[in-house]
């Protein structure tokens, strides 16, 4: 399953409206960019994300998709925790 299709299920979207799909795709790309540039995670294949990186991307997408402030805070805590783990992991961090 393509990452965009998975991301649509994460946010419970079934439409193929290009504007919505583009926005979800942009969130996926932003999450990956944040991980690779601020947590020094090695570049990853967008379509073959390791499970822990996929979970971080999912948390990021869900956080920025929701309008519920409490839900957003919950997902951002999850994302930040995963990002911190990835940043210190010798398996994923390019500086270790």
N, C-alpha and C. Protein backbone atom coordinates (compact mmCIF):
# COMPACT_ATOMS: atom_id res chain seq x y z
N UNK A 1 0.85 -1.18 0.00
CA UNK A 1 0.00 0.00 0.00
C UNK A 1 0.88 1.24 0.00
N UNK A 2 0.59 2.17 -0.85
CA UNK A 2 1.36 3.41 -0.93
C UNK A 2 1.18 4.22 0.36
N UNK A 3 2.21 4.95 0.73
CA UNK A 3 2.18 5.72 1.97
C UNK A 3 1.02 6.71 1.99
N UNK A 4 0.69 7.29 0.86
CA UNK A 4 -0.42 8.26 0.84
C UNK A 4 -1.74 7.55 1.15
N UNK A 5 -1.91 6.32 0.67
CA UNK A 5 -3.13 5.57 0.98
C UNK A 5 -3.18 5.21 2.47
N UNK A 6 -2.05 4.85 3.02
CA UNK A 6 -1.99 4.58 4.45
C UNK A 6 -2.30 5.84 5.25
N UNK A 7 -1.71 6.96 4.84
CA UNK A 7 -1.93 8.22 5.55
C UNK A 7 -3.40 8.63 5.50
N UNK A 8 -4.05 8.37 4.40
CA UNK A 8 -5.48 8.67 4.31
C UNK A 8 -6.27 7.85 5.33
N UNK A 9 -5.87 6.60 5.55
CA UNK A 9 -6.57 5.79 6.56
C UNK A 9 -6.26 6.29 7.96
N UNK A 10 -5.05 6.79 8.18
CA UNK A 10 -4.69 7.32 9.51
C UNK A 10 -5.59 8.46 9.91
N UNK A 11 -5.96 9.29 8.94
CA UNK A 11 -6.79 10.47 9.25
C UNK A 11 -8.25 10.24 8.85
N UNK A 12 -8.55 9.01 8.48
CA UNK A 12 -9.91 8.59 8.16
C UNK A 12 -10.53 9.38 7.01
N UNK A 13 -9.77 9.46 5.94
CA UNK A 13 -10.20 10.15 4.72
C UNK A 13 -10.34 9.11 3.61
N UNK A 14 -11.44 9.16 2.89
CA UNK A 14 -11.64 8.24 1.78
C UNK A 14 -11.67 8.93 0.43
N UNK A 15 -11.71 10.23 0.44
CA UNK A 15 -11.81 10.97 -0.82
C UNK A 15 -10.52 10.90 -1.62
N UNK A 16 -10.65 11.09 -2.90
CA UNK A 16 -9.48 11.21 -3.78
C UNK A 16 -9.37 12.64 -4.30
N UNK A 17 -10.04 13.56 -3.64
CA UNK A 17 -9.95 14.97 -4.00
C UNK A 17 -8.48 15.39 -3.97
N UNK A 18 -8.00 15.93 -5.07
CA UNK A 18 -6.57 16.21 -5.20
C UNK A 18 -6.06 17.20 -4.16
N UNK A 19 -6.86 18.17 -3.78
CA UNK A 19 -6.41 19.15 -2.79
C UNK A 19 -6.19 18.48 -1.43
N UNK A 20 -7.09 17.59 -1.05
CA UNK A 20 -6.96 16.90 0.23
C UNK A 20 -5.80 15.91 0.19
N UNK A 21 -5.71 15.16 -0.88
CA UNK A 21 -4.61 14.20 -1.03
C UNK A 21 -3.27 14.93 -1.03
N UNK A 22 -3.20 16.08 -1.70
CA UNK A 22 -1.96 16.87 -1.72
C UNK A 22 -1.60 17.37 -0.32
N UNK A 23 -2.60 17.77 0.46
CA UNK A 23 -2.34 18.25 1.81
C UNK A 23 -1.81 17.12 2.70
N UNK A 24 -2.40 15.94 2.58
CA UNK A 24 -1.93 14.79 3.35
C UNK A 24 -0.51 14.41 2.91
N UNK A 25 -0.27 14.43 1.62
CA UNK A 25 1.06 14.13 1.09
C UNK A 25 2.10 15.13 1.61
N UNK A 26 1.70 16.39 1.67
CA UNK A 26 2.60 17.42 2.18
C UNK A 26 2.93 17.18 3.65
N UNK A 27 1.97 16.71 4.43
CA UNK A 27 2.23 16.41 5.83
C UNK A 27 3.19 15.23 5.97
N UNK A 28 3.02 14.22 5.14
CA UNK A 28 3.95 13.08 5.16
C UNK A 28 5.36 13.57 4.84
N UNK A 29 5.48 14.37 3.79
CA UNK A 29 6.79 14.88 3.39
C UNK A 29 7.40 15.77 4.48
N UNK A 30 6.56 16.58 5.13
CA UNK A 30 7.05 17.46 6.20
C UNK A 30 7.58 16.64 7.37
N UNK A 31 6.89 15.57 7.71
CA UNK A 31 7.34 14.72 8.81
C UNK A 31 8.69 14.08 8.48
N UNK A 32 8.80 13.56 7.27
CA UNK A 32 10.06 12.93 6.87
C UNK A 32 11.18 13.96 6.83
N UNK A 33 10.91 15.14 6.32
CA UNK A 33 11.90 16.21 6.28
C UNK A 33 12.32 16.61 7.69
N UNK A 34 11.36 16.73 8.59
CA UNK A 34 11.69 17.08 9.97
C UNK A 34 12.60 16.02 10.60
N UNK A 35 12.29 14.77 10.37
CA UNK A 35 13.12 13.71 10.94
C UNK A 35 14.52 13.69 10.33
N UNK A 36 14.62 13.89 9.03
CA UNK A 36 15.94 13.81 8.40
C UNK A 36 16.79 15.05 8.66
N UNK A 37 16.15 16.19 8.84
CA UNK A 37 16.93 17.42 9.00
C UNK A 37 17.15 17.83 10.46
N UNK A 38 16.21 17.55 11.34
CA UNK A 38 16.38 18.00 12.73
C UNK A 38 16.77 16.88 13.69
N UNK A 39 16.54 15.63 13.30
CA UNK A 39 16.93 14.52 14.16
C UNK A 39 18.06 13.71 13.54
N UNK A 40 18.57 14.20 12.41
CA UNK A 40 19.70 13.56 11.72
C UNK A 40 19.44 12.10 11.37
N UNK A 41 18.20 11.83 10.97
CA UNK A 41 17.86 10.49 10.52
C UNK A 41 18.31 10.36 9.06
N UNK A 42 18.86 9.23 8.72
CA UNK A 42 19.29 9.00 7.34
C UNK A 42 18.09 9.12 6.41
N UNK A 43 18.34 9.57 5.19
CA UNK A 43 17.26 9.65 4.21
C UNK A 43 16.59 8.29 4.09
N UNK A 44 15.28 8.32 3.95
CA UNK A 44 14.51 7.08 3.89
C UNK A 44 13.68 7.06 2.61
N UNK A 45 13.36 5.87 2.19
CA UNK A 45 12.47 5.68 1.05
C UNK A 45 11.05 5.91 1.54
N UNK A 46 10.40 6.91 1.00
CA UNK A 46 9.05 7.30 1.43
C UNK A 46 8.07 6.12 1.41
N UNK A 47 8.24 5.23 0.47
CA UNK A 47 7.30 4.12 0.32
C UNK A 47 7.69 2.87 1.11
N UNK A 48 8.87 2.86 1.71
CA UNK A 48 9.32 1.70 2.49
C UNK A 48 9.89 2.15 3.83
N UNK A 49 9.07 2.83 4.60
CA UNK A 49 9.53 3.35 5.88
C UNK A 49 9.65 2.24 6.91
N UNK A 50 10.73 2.24 7.69
CA UNK A 50 10.82 1.30 8.81
C UNK A 50 9.65 1.58 9.77
N UNK A 51 9.18 0.56 10.46
CA UNK A 51 8.00 0.73 11.32
C UNK A 51 8.08 1.89 12.31
N UNK A 52 9.21 2.09 12.96
CA UNK A 52 9.30 3.17 13.96
C UNK A 52 9.23 4.54 13.28
N UNK A 53 9.80 4.66 12.10
CA UNK A 53 9.71 5.93 11.38
C UNK A 53 8.29 6.13 10.85
N UNK A 54 7.67 5.06 10.40
CA UNK A 54 6.28 5.16 9.93
C UNK A 54 5.37 5.61 11.08
N UNK A 55 5.61 5.08 12.28
CA UNK A 55 4.81 5.48 13.43
C UNK A 55 5.02 6.96 13.75
N UNK A 56 6.25 7.43 13.64
CA UNK A 56 6.51 8.86 13.86
C UNK A 56 5.79 9.70 12.81
N UNK A 57 5.88 9.29 11.55
CA UNK A 57 5.21 10.02 10.48
C UNK A 57 3.70 10.01 10.72
N UNK A 58 3.18 8.88 11.11
CA UNK A 58 1.73 8.78 11.39
C UNK A 58 1.33 9.76 12.49
N UNK A 59 2.10 9.81 13.55
CA UNK A 59 1.79 10.71 14.66
C UNK A 59 1.82 12.16 14.21
N UNK A 60 2.80 12.52 13.40
CA UNK A 60 2.92 13.88 12.87
C UNK A 60 1.71 14.22 12.01
N UNK A 61 1.37 13.33 11.10
CA UNK A 61 0.23 13.58 10.20
C UNK A 61 -1.06 13.73 11.00
N UNK A 62 -1.27 12.83 11.94
CA UNK A 62 -2.49 12.92 12.75
C UNK A 62 -2.52 14.20 13.58
N UNK A 63 -1.37 14.61 14.10
CA UNK A 63 -1.33 15.83 14.91
C UNK A 63 -1.71 17.05 14.10
N UNK A 64 -1.19 17.15 12.91
CA UNK A 64 -1.43 18.35 12.11
C UNK A 64 -2.70 18.27 11.28
N UNK A 65 -3.36 17.12 11.28
CA UNK A 65 -4.63 16.99 10.55
C UNK A 65 -5.82 17.34 11.45
N UNK A 66 -5.71 16.98 12.73
CA UNK A 66 -6.83 17.18 13.64
C UNK A 66 -7.02 18.65 14.00
N UNK A 67 -8.25 18.97 14.34
CA UNK A 67 -8.56 20.32 14.83
C UNK A 67 -8.76 20.32 16.33
N UNK A 68 -8.70 19.11 16.93
CA UNK A 68 -8.88 18.96 18.35
C UNK A 68 -7.54 19.21 19.05
N UNK A 69 -7.49 20.23 19.86
CA UNK A 69 -6.23 20.64 20.50
C UNK A 69 -5.67 19.55 21.41
N UNK A 70 -6.54 18.87 22.14
CA UNK A 70 -6.08 17.79 23.02
C UNK A 70 -5.49 16.63 22.22
N UNK A 71 -6.16 16.27 21.13
CA UNK A 71 -5.64 15.21 20.26
C UNK A 71 -4.31 15.62 19.66
N UNK A 72 -4.22 16.86 19.22
CA UNK A 72 -2.97 17.34 18.63
C UNK A 72 -1.83 17.24 19.63
N UNK A 73 -2.08 17.68 20.84
CA UNK A 73 -1.04 17.62 21.88
C UNK A 73 -0.61 16.18 22.13
N UNK A 74 -1.57 15.26 22.17
CA UNK A 74 -1.26 13.85 22.40
C UNK A 74 -0.37 13.29 21.29
N UNK A 75 -0.73 13.57 20.05
CA UNK A 75 0.05 13.07 18.92
C UNK A 75 1.43 13.71 18.85
N UNK A 76 1.54 14.98 19.21
CA UNK A 76 2.84 15.63 19.18
C UNK A 76 3.77 15.09 20.26
N UNK A 77 3.23 14.72 21.40
CA UNK A 77 4.04 14.09 22.44
C UNK A 77 4.58 12.76 21.93
N UNK A 78 3.72 11.99 21.28
CA UNK A 78 4.15 10.70 20.71
C UNK A 78 5.22 10.95 19.66
N UNK A 79 4.98 11.90 18.76
CA UNK A 79 5.94 12.20 17.70
C UNK A 79 7.29 12.64 18.29
N UNK A 80 7.25 13.55 19.24
CA UNK A 80 8.51 14.04 19.82
C UNK A 80 9.28 12.94 20.54
N UNK A 81 8.56 12.03 21.19
CA UNK A 81 9.22 10.90 21.85
C UNK A 81 9.89 9.98 20.85
N UNK A 82 9.18 9.67 19.78
CA UNK A 82 9.76 8.81 18.74
C UNK A 82 10.94 9.51 18.06
N UNK A 83 10.79 10.79 17.82
CA UNK A 83 11.87 11.55 17.18
C UNK A 83 13.12 11.53 18.07
N UNK A 84 12.94 11.68 19.36
CA UNK A 84 14.08 11.64 20.29
C UNK A 84 14.74 10.26 20.28
N UNK A 85 13.94 9.21 20.26
CA UNK A 85 14.51 7.85 20.20
C UNK A 85 15.29 7.64 18.91
N UNK A 86 14.73 8.10 17.80
CA UNK A 86 15.41 7.96 16.51
C UNK A 86 16.70 8.77 16.47
N UNK A 87 16.67 9.95 17.08
CA UNK A 87 17.85 10.82 17.08
C UNK A 87 19.02 10.22 17.85
N UNK A 88 18.73 9.36 18.80
CA UNK A 88 19.80 8.75 19.59
C UNK A 88 20.10 7.32 19.18
N UNK A 89 19.40 6.83 18.20
CA UNK A 89 19.57 5.44 17.76
C UNK A 89 20.73 5.30 16.79
N UNK A 90 21.60 4.37 17.07
CA UNK A 90 22.70 4.12 16.15
C UNK A 90 22.22 3.50 14.85
N UNK A 91 21.04 2.92 14.86
CA UNK A 91 20.50 2.29 13.66
C UNK A 91 19.93 3.31 12.68
N UNK A 92 19.50 4.47 13.17
CA UNK A 92 18.83 5.44 12.31
C UNK A 92 19.55 6.79 12.20
N UNK A 93 20.26 7.18 13.26
CA UNK A 93 20.92 8.47 13.26
C UNK A 93 22.23 8.41 12.48
N UNK A 94 22.41 9.34 11.54
CA UNK A 94 23.61 9.32 10.68
C UNK A 94 24.85 9.83 11.43
N UNK A 95 24.69 10.45 12.57
CA UNK A 95 25.84 10.99 13.31
C UNK A 95 26.37 10.00 14.35
N UNK A 96 25.63 8.96 14.63
CA UNK A 96 26.08 7.98 15.64
C UNK A 96 27.02 6.97 15.02
